[in-house]
Amino acid sequence: MGRKESTEKKEAFSNALLGKKIPVLTLDSKWYRLLNEMGKATVKEQEEQLNDLLKRQGKLNTETKDIKRLKKKLMNEIVSMVDEVEQKNNKALEKKIQEHKRLIEECNEKLENYQDELRDIPREIEKINSKLMLITMECCYDIMQENTDEIQKIADWVTEIRIELKKQLIRKQEMEQKNQDIYAYMHDVFGADVVNLFDMEFNPEENAKKNSEG
C-alpha cells in the first residue's frame, strides 16, 4: 500500500470510529482471534495500557468499597463511644474518638481522590480503546489484503489443477479405449489366447468398466 493510500485509509478508519460505541477490546475474546502474530506485536503497547487502566479501575472500585465500609464502622463506633464519654467522662475514650475522626478524615480524603481518578479513567479507557481499534482495523485490513491475494493464487492453482486433471482424465480414457480396441481386434484374430499372447493380467474391457464405475 502506498503512503497516500495508507493515509487515506487511516482517515477513513478514523472517521468510521466517530460516534461509535466501541466495546473494550481486551475484554472481548473474539478480538484476540482477529490478529496474526505481527498484528499482536503491533497492538501490544496499547493492549498493555488498556489492561493497566482496567486493573487500576477495578482496584479503585474495590478499595472504595473497603474504605466506605471502614468509614461506616468508625462512625458507628464513634456514636457508641460518644454516649459512653458523656456518661463517664473517659479521657482515654475521648482520645480514641479523636483518632477515629482523624481516620474518617483520611477515608474522606482517599474517597475524594479515588472518585476523581475514577471519573478520569473511563475517558482514558475510551481514548486508548479507540486507538487500539484503529490499529486493529489497519492490521485487519492488511491481513484481508494478504489473504485476498493468497486466495486468488490458490483459486488460480485450483483452476490449473482442474484443467490438468481434465486433460489427464481424457488421456486416460483415450488410452483405455485404445487398449480396448486392440484387445477386441486381437481377440477376434487369436481368441482367448490373446491374454497370454500379450501378457495381459486383466481384460481391458473389464478394467475400463471397473474404472468408470469407481
C-alpha atoms as a PDB file:
ATOM      1  CA  MET A   1       0.000   0.000   0.000  1.00  0.00           C
ATOM      2  CA  GLY A   2       1.381   3.422  -0.978  1.00  0.00           C
ATOM      3  CA  ARG A   3       1.852   6.219   1.549  1.00  0.00           C
ATOM      4  CA  LYS A   4      -1.055   8.248   0.124  1.00  0.00           C
ATOM      5  CA  GLU A   5      -3.369   5.260   0.060  1.00  0.00           C
ATOM      6  CA  SER A   6      -2.320   4.339   3.607  1.00  0.00           C
ATOM      7  CA  THR A   7      -3.050   7.869   4.872  1.00  0.00           C
ATOM      8  CA  GLU A   8      -6.430   7.911   3.165  1.00  0.00           C
ATOM      9  CA  LYS A   9      -7.287   4.536   4.634  1.00  0.00           C
ATOM     10  CA  LYS A  10      -6.334   5.701   8.162  1.00  0.00           C
ATOM     11  CA  GLU A  11      -8.529   8.773   7.746  1.00  0.00           C
ATOM     12  CA  ALA A  12     -11.399   6.608   6.558  1.00  0.00           C
ATOM     13  CA  PHE A  13     -10.992   4.307   9.568  1.00  0.00           C
ATOM     14  CA  SER A  14     -10.796   7.297  11.965  1.00  0.00           C
ATOM     15  CA  ASN A  15     -13.969   8.806  10.504  1.00  0.00           C
ATOM     16  CA  ALA A  16     -15.734   5.451  10.801  1.00  0.00           C
ATOM     17  CA  LEU A  17     -14.987   5.391  14.552  1.00  0.00           C
ATOM     18  CA  LEU A  18     -16.580   8.797  15.205  1.00  0.00           C
ATOM     19  CA  GLY A  19     -19.672   8.442  17.377  1.00  0.00           C
ATOM     20  CA  LYS A  20     -19.326   4.659  17.599  1.00  0.00           C
ATOM     21  CA  LYS A  21     -19.579   2.875  20.935  1.00  0.00           C
ATOM     22  CA  ILE A  22     -16.588   0.543  20.827  1.00  0.00           C
ATOM     23  CA  PRO A  23     -16.566  -2.411  23.266  1.00  0.00           C
ATOM     24  CA  VAL A  24     -13.445  -2.732  25.403  1.00  0.00           C
ATOM     25  CA  LEU A  25     -11.359  -4.823  23.028  1.00  0.00           C
ATOM     26  CA  THR A  26      -9.115  -6.623  25.522  1.00  0.00           C
ATOM     27  CA  LEU A  27     -12.229  -7.970  27.275  1.00  0.00           C
ATOM     28  CA  ASP A  28     -13.514  -9.475  24.020  1.00  0.00           C
ATOM     29  CA  SER A  29     -12.223 -12.987  23.228  1.00  0.00           C
ATOM     30  CA  LYS A  30     -13.228 -12.555  19.579  1.00  0.00           C
ATOM     31  CA  TRP A  31     -10.849  -9.609  19.228  1.00  0.00           C
ATOM     32  CA  TYR A  32      -7.836 -11.743  20.153  1.00  0.00           C
ATOM     33  CA  ARG A  33      -8.659 -14.168  17.323  1.00  0.00           C
ATOM     34  CA  LEU A  34      -8.659 -11.430  14.678  1.00  0.00           C
ATOM     35  CA  LEU A  35      -4.946 -10.714  14.673  1.00  0.00           C
ATOM     36  CA  ASN A  36      -1.972 -12.677  13.426  1.00  0.00           C
ATOM     37  CA  GLU A  37       1.386 -12.669  15.247  1.00  0.00           C
ATOM     38  CA  MET A  38       2.522  -9.479  13.537  1.00  0.00           C
ATOM     39  CA  GLY A  39      -0.751  -7.765  14.417  1.00  0.00           C
ATOM     40  CA  LYS A  40      -0.497  -8.835  18.061  1.00  0.00           C
ATOM     41  CA  ALA A  41       3.002  -7.367  18.248  1.00  0.00           C
ATOM     42  CA  THR A  42       1.762  -4.113  16.695  1.00  0.00           C
ATOM     43  CA  VAL A  43      -1.035  -3.583  19.254  1.00  0.00           C
ATOM     44  CA  LYS A  44       0.930  -4.848  22.290  1.00  0.00           C
ATOM     45  CA  GLU A  45       1.678  -1.376  23.724  1.00  0.00           C
ATOM     46  CA  GLN A  46      -1.946  -0.169  23.570  1.00  0.00           C
ATOM     47  CA  GLU A  47      -3.179  -3.549  24.788  1.00  0.00           C
ATOM     48  CA  GLU A  48      -0.999  -3.312  27.913  1.00  0.00           C
ATOM     49  CA  GLN A  49      -2.009   0.323  28.542  1.00  0.00           C
ATOM     50  CA  LEU A  50      -5.679  -0.593  28.317  1.00  0.00           C
ATOM     51  CA  ASN A  51      -5.315  -3.603  30.599  1.00  0.00           C
ATOM     52  CA  ASP A  52      -3.409  -1.490  33.145  1.00  0.00           C
ATOM     53  CA  LEU A  53      -6.241   1.061  33.169  1.00  0.00           C
ATOM     54  CA  LEU A  54      -8.839  -1.677  33.625  1.00  0.00           C
ATOM     55  CA  LYS A  55      -6.844  -3.178  36.508  1.00  0.00           C
ATOM     56  CA  ARG A  56      -6.475   0.250  38.121  1.00  0.00           C
ATOM     57  CA  GLN A  57     -10.194   0.897  37.750  1.00  0.00           C
ATOM     58  CA  GLY A  58     -11.026  -2.443  39.339  1.00  0.00           C
ATOM     59  CA  LYS A  59      -8.592  -1.834  42.195  1.00  0.00           C
ATOM     60  CA  LEU A  60     -10.008   1.636  42.884  1.00  0.00           C
ATOM     61  CA  ASN A  61     -13.576   0.323  42.927  1.00  0.00           C
ATOM     62  CA  THR A  62     -12.617  -2.445  45.349  1.00  0.00           C
ATOM     63  CA  GLU A  63     -10.671  -0.105  47.641  1.00  0.00           C
ATOM     64  CA  THR A  64     -13.502   2.451  47.526  1.00  0.00           C
ATOM     65  CA  LYS A  65     -15.914  -0.185  48.836  1.00  0.00           C
ATOM     66  CA  ASP A  66     -13.435  -1.212  51.548  1.00  0.00           C
ATOM     67  CA  ILE A  67     -12.897   2.404  52.653  1.00  0.00           C
ATOM     68  CA  LYS A  68     -16.635   3.073  52.776  1.00  0.00           C
ATOM     69  CA  ARG A  69     -17.083   0.000  54.974  1.00  0.00           C
ATOM     70  CA  LEU A  70     -14.258   1.152  57.248  1.00  0.00           C
ATOM     71  CA  LYS A  71     -15.691   4.669  57.429  1.00  0.00           C
ATOM     72  CA  LYS A  72     -19.126   3.332  58.367  1.00  0.00           C
ATOM     73  CA  LYS A  73     -17.575   1.120  61.047  1.00  0.00           C
ATOM     74  CA  LEU A  74     -15.592   4.055  62.500  1.00  0.00           C
ATOM     75  CA  MET A  75     -18.671   6.293  62.567  1.00  0.00           C
ATOM     76  CA  ASN A  76     -20.756   3.649  64.304  1.00  0.00           C
ATOM     77  CA  GLU A  77     -18.011   3.191  66.880  1.00  0.00           C
ATOM     78  CA  ILE A  78     -17.818   6.964  67.448  1.00  0.00           C
ATOM     79  CA  VAL A  79     -21.553   7.128  68.155  1.00  0.00           C
ATOM     80  CA  SER A  80     -21.175   4.359  70.698  1.00  0.00           C
ATOM     81  CA  MET A  81     -18.110   5.966  72.313  1.00  0.00           C
ATOM     82  CA  VAL A  82     -19.691   9.451  72.474  1.00  0.00           C
ATOM     83  CA  ASP A  83     -22.578   8.096  74.522  1.00  0.00           C
ATOM     84  CA  GLU A  84     -20.120   6.434  76.906  1.00  0.00           C
ATOM     85  CA  VAL A  85     -17.940   9.567  77.211  1.00  0.00           C
ATOM     86  CA  GLU A  86     -20.956  11.694  78.127  1.00  0.00           C
ATOM     87  CA  GLN A  87     -21.802   9.269  80.869  1.00  0.00           C
ATOM     88  CA  LYS A  88     -18.313   8.567  82.281  1.00  0.00           C
ATOM     89  CA  ASN A  89     -16.134  11.489  81.084  1.00  0.00           C
ATOM     90  CA  ASN A  90     -13.469   8.991  79.953  1.00  0.00           C
ATOM     91  CA  LYS A  91     -10.386  10.865  78.677  1.00  0.00           C
ATOM     92  CA  ALA A  92      -8.871   7.792  77.013  1.00  0.00           C
ATOM     93  CA  LEU A  93     -12.117   7.272  75.177  1.00  0.00           C
ATOM     94  CA  GLU A  94     -12.147  10.914  74.080  1.00  0.00           C
ATOM     95  CA  LYS A  95      -8.676  10.435  72.647  1.00  0.00           C
ATOM     96  CA  LYS A  96      -9.887   7.346  70.822  1.00  0.00           C
ATOM     97  CA  ILE A  97     -12.793   9.321  69.399  1.00  0.00           C
ATOM     98  CA  GLN A  98     -10.374  11.938  68.066  1.00  0.00           C
ATOM     99  CA  GLU A  99      -8.289   9.183  66.468  1.00  0.00           C
ATOM    100  CA  HIS A 100     -11.436   7.775  64.832  1.00  0.00           C
ATOM    101  CA  LYS A 101     -12.279  11.232  63.491  1.00  0.00           C
ATOM    102  CA  ARG A 102      -8.785  11.534  62.065  1.00  0.00           C
ATOM    103  CA  LEU A 103      -9.163   8.172  60.363  1.00  0.00           C
ATOM    104  CA  ILE A 104     -12.546   9.204  58.980  1.00  0.00           C
ATOM    105  CA  GLU A 105     -10.965  12.330  57.526  1.00  0.00           C
ATOM    106  CA  GLU A 106      -8.323  10.149  55.876  1.00  0.00           C
ATOM    107  CA  CYS A 107     -11.093   7.964  54.477  1.00  0.00           C
ATOM    108  CA  ASN A 108     -12.865  11.027  53.098  1.00  0.00           C
ATOM    109  CA  GLU A 109      -9.669  12.295  51.516  1.00  0.00           C
ATOM    110  CA  LYS A 110      -8.921   8.951  49.904  1.00  0.00           C
ATOM    111  CA  LEU A 111     -12.518   8.598  48.674  1.00  0.00           C
ATOM    112  CA  GLU A 112     -12.363  12.031  47.106  1.00  0.00           C
ATOM    113  CA  ASN A 113      -9.082  11.249  45.356  1.00  0.00           C
ATOM    114  CA  TYR A 114     -10.355   7.876  44.189  1.00  0.00           C
ATOM    115  CA  GLN A 115     -13.574   9.408  42.856  1.00  0.00           C
ATOM    116  CA  ASP A 116     -11.593  11.987  40.886  1.00  0.00           C
ATOM    117  CA  GLU A 117      -9.442   9.248  39.374  1.00  0.00           C
ATOM    118  CA  LEU A 118     -12.450   7.030  38.694  1.00  0.00           C
ATOM    119  CA  ARG A 119     -14.074   9.889  36.774  1.00  0.00           C
ATOM    120  CA  ASP A 120     -10.958  10.265  34.601  1.00  0.00           C
ATOM    121  CA  ILE A 121     -10.246   6.589  33.933  1.00  0.00           C
ATOM    122  CA  PRO A 122     -13.271   5.905  31.665  1.00  0.00           C
ATOM    123  CA  ARG A 123     -12.151   8.723  29.367  1.00  0.00           C
ATOM    124  CA  GLU A 124      -8.638   7.297  29.274  1.00  0.00           C
ATOM    125  CA  ILE A 125     -10.011   3.817  28.602  1.00  0.00           C
ATOM    126  CA  GLU A 126     -12.149   5.134  25.758  1.00  0.00           C
ATOM    127  CA  LYS A 127      -9.181   7.035  24.301  1.00  0.00           C
ATOM    128  CA  ILE A 128      -6.787   4.055  24.382  1.00  0.00           C
ATOM    129  CA  ASN A 129      -9.525   1.665  23.262  1.00  0.00           C
ATOM    130  CA  SER A 130     -10.302   3.815  20.217  1.00  0.00           C
ATOM    131  CA  LYS A 131      -6.623   3.974  19.340  1.00  0.00           C
ATOM    132  CA  LEU A 132      -6.376   0.214  19.740  1.00  0.00           C
ATOM    133  CA  MET A 133      -9.414  -0.229  17.494  1.00  0.00           C
ATOM    134  CA  LEU A 134      -7.868   1.997  14.836  1.00  0.00           C
ATOM    135  CA  ILE A 135      -4.642  -0.032  14.830  1.00  0.00           C
ATOM    136  CA  THR A 136      -6.718  -3.225  14.793  1.00  0.00           C
ATOM    137  CA  MET A 137      -8.622  -2.019  11.724  1.00  0.00           C
ATOM    138  CA  GLU A 138      -5.357  -1.264   9.940  1.00  0.00           C
ATOM    139  CA  CYS A 139      -3.932  -4.692  10.856  1.00  0.00           C
ATOM    140  CA  CYS A 140      -7.117  -6.480   9.798  1.00  0.00           C
ATOM    141  CA  TYR A 141      -7.144  -4.580   6.514  1.00  0.00           C
ATOM    142  CA  ASP A 142      -3.588  -5.731   5.798  1.00  0.00           C
ATOM    143  CA  ILE A 143      -4.457  -9.317   6.770  1.00  0.00           C
ATOM    144  CA  MET A 144      -7.506  -9.319   4.499  1.00  0.00           C
ATOM    145  CA  GLN A 145      -5.490  -7.888   1.622  1.00  0.00           C
ATOM    146  CA  GLU A 146      -2.813 -10.551   2.050  1.00  0.00           C
ATOM    147  CA  ASN A 147      -5.457 -13.268   2.356  1.00  0.00           C
ATOM    148  CA  THR A 148      -7.245 -11.992  -0.751  1.00  0.00           C
ATOM    149  CA  ASP A 149      -4.010 -12.232  -2.738  1.00  0.00           C
ATOM    150  CA  GLU A 150      -3.368 -15.751  -1.440  1.00  0.00           C
ATOM    151  CA  ILE A 151      -6.988 -16.774  -2.088  1.00  0.00           C
ATOM    152  CA  GLN A 152      -6.637 -15.664  -5.703  1.00  0.00           C
ATOM    153  CA  LYS A 153      -3.373 -17.583  -6.077  1.00  0.00           C
ATOM    154  CA  ILE A 154      -4.992 -20.703  -4.639  1.00  0.00           C
ATOM    155  CA  ALA A 155      -8.054 -20.233  -6.871  1.00  0.00           C
ATOM    156  CA  ASP A 156      -5.760 -19.938  -9.918  1.00  0.00           C
ATOM    157  CA  TRP A 157      -3.868 -23.047  -8.809  1.00  0.00           C
ATOM    158  CA  VAL A 158      -7.123 -24.985  -8.346  1.00  0.00           C
ATOM    159  CA  THR A 159      -8.263 -23.905 -11.830  1.00  0.00           C
ATOM    160  CA  GLU A 160      -4.966 -25.076 -13.337  1.00  0.00           C
ATOM    161  CA  ILE A 161      -5.169 -28.373 -11.469  1.00  0.00           C
ATOM    162  CA  ARG A 162      -8.744 -28.911 -12.666  1.00  0.00           C
ATOM    163  CA  ILE A 163      -7.711 -28.227 -16.245  1.00  0.00           C
ATOM    164  CA  GLU A 164      -4.728 -30.577 -15.919  1.00  0.00           C
ATOM    165  CA  LEU A 165      -6.899 -33.186 -14.208  1.00  0.00           C
ATOM    166  CA  LYS A 166      -9.427 -32.984 -17.009  1.00  0.00           C
ATOM    167  CA  LYS A 167      -6.661 -33.381 -19.602  1.00  0.00           C
ATOM    168  CA  GLN A 168      -5.254 -36.403 -17.793  1.00  0.00           C
ATOM    169  CA  LEU A 169      -8.705 -37.989 -17.455  1.00  0.00           C
ATOM    170  CA  ILE A 170      -9.278 -37.543 -21.172  1.00  0.00           C
ATOM    171  CA  ARG A 171      -5.823 -39.000 -21.892  1.00  0.00           C
ATOM    172  CA  LYS A 172      -6.585 -41.929 -19.588  1.00  0.00           C
ATOM    173  CA  GLN A 173      -9.904 -42.579 -21.298  1.00  0.00           C
ATOM    174  CA  GLU A 174      -8.260 -42.405 -24.739  1.00  0.00           C
ATOM    175  CA  MET A 175      -5.590 -44.938 -23.713  1.00  0.00           C
ATOM    176  CA  GLU A 176      -8.199 -47.233 -22.187  1.00  0.00           C
ATOM    177  CA  GLN A 177     -10.238 -47.029 -25.360  1.00  0.00           C
ATOM    178  CA  LYS A 178      -7.127 -47.781 -27.430  1.00  0.00           C
ATOM    179  CA  ASN A 179      -6.409 -50.838 -25.292  1.00  0.00           C
ATOM    180  CA  GLN A 180      -9.994 -51.994 -25.693  1.00  0.00           C
ATOM    181  CA  ASP A 181      -9.821 -51.569 -29.457  1.00  0.00           C
ATOM    182  CA  ILE A 182      -6.538 -53.513 -29.671  1.00  0.00           C
ATOM    183  CA  TYR A 183      -7.826 -56.231 -27.375  1.00  0.00           C
ATOM    184  CA  ALA A 184     -11.080 -56.586 -29.293  1.00  0.00           C
ATOM    185  CA  TYR A 185      -9.252 -56.868 -32.616  1.00  0.00           C
ATOM    186  CA  MET A 186      -6.672 -59.327 -31.338  1.00  0.00           C
ATOM    187  CA  HIS A 187      -9.366 -61.365 -29.603  1.00  0.00           C
ATOM    188  CA  ASP A 188     -11.180 -61.706 -32.901  1.00  0.00           C
ATOM    189  CA  VAL A 189      -7.956 -62.949 -34.528  1.00  0.00           C
ATOM    190  CA  PHE A 190      -6.421 -65.118 -31.764  1.00  0.00           C
ATOM    191  CA  GLY A 191      -9.403 -65.832 -29.490  1.00  0.00           C
ATOM    192  CA  ALA A 192      -8.955 -66.272 -25.721  1.00  0.00           C
ATOM    193  CA  ASP A 193      -5.224 -66.935 -26.182  1.00  0.00           C
ATOM    194  CA  VAL A 194      -4.764 -63.214 -26.724  1.00  0.00           C
ATOM    195  CA  VAL A 195      -4.492 -62.740 -22.913  1.00  0.00           C
ATOM    196  CA  ASN A 196      -1.381 -64.933 -22.693  1.00  0.00           C
ATOM    197  CA  LEU A 197      -0.041 -63.772 -26.030  1.00  0.00           C
ATOM    198  CA  PHE A 198       0.061 -60.124 -24.986  1.00  0.00           C
ATOM    199  CA  ASP A 199       0.974 -60.851 -21.314  1.00  0.00           C
ATOM    200  CA  MET A 200      -2.293 -59.279 -20.148  1.00  0.00           C
ATOM    201  CA  GLU A 201      -3.121 -59.658 -16.463  1.00  0.00           C
ATOM    202  CA  PHE A 202      -6.675 -58.451 -16.970  1.00  0.00           C
ATOM    203  CA  ASN A 203      -9.261 -57.825 -19.605  1.00  0.00           C
ATOM    204  CA  PRO A 204      -9.011 -54.185 -20.803  1.00  0.00           C
ATOM    205  CA  GLU A 205     -12.774 -54.031 -21.266  1.00  0.00           C
ATOM    206  CA  GLU A 206     -13.456 -55.221 -17.719  1.00  0.00           C
ATOM    207  CA  ASN A 207     -10.808 -52.875 -16.275  1.00  0.00           C
ATOM    208  CA  ALA A 208     -12.270 -49.878 -18.120  1.00  0.00           C
ATOM    209  CA  LYS A 209     -15.713 -50.779 -16.799  1.00  0.00           C
ATOM    210  CA  LYS A 210     -14.427 -51.009 -13.209  1.00  0.00           C
ATOM    211  CA  ASN A 211     -12.670 -47.624 -13.523  1.00  0.00           C
ATOM    212  CA  SER A 212     -15.803 -45.965 -14.858  1.00  0.00           C
ATOM    213  CA  GLU A 213     -17.908 -47.440 -12.032  1.00  0.00           C
ATOM    214  CA  GLY A 214     -15.330 -46.368  -9.419  1.00  0.00           C
END
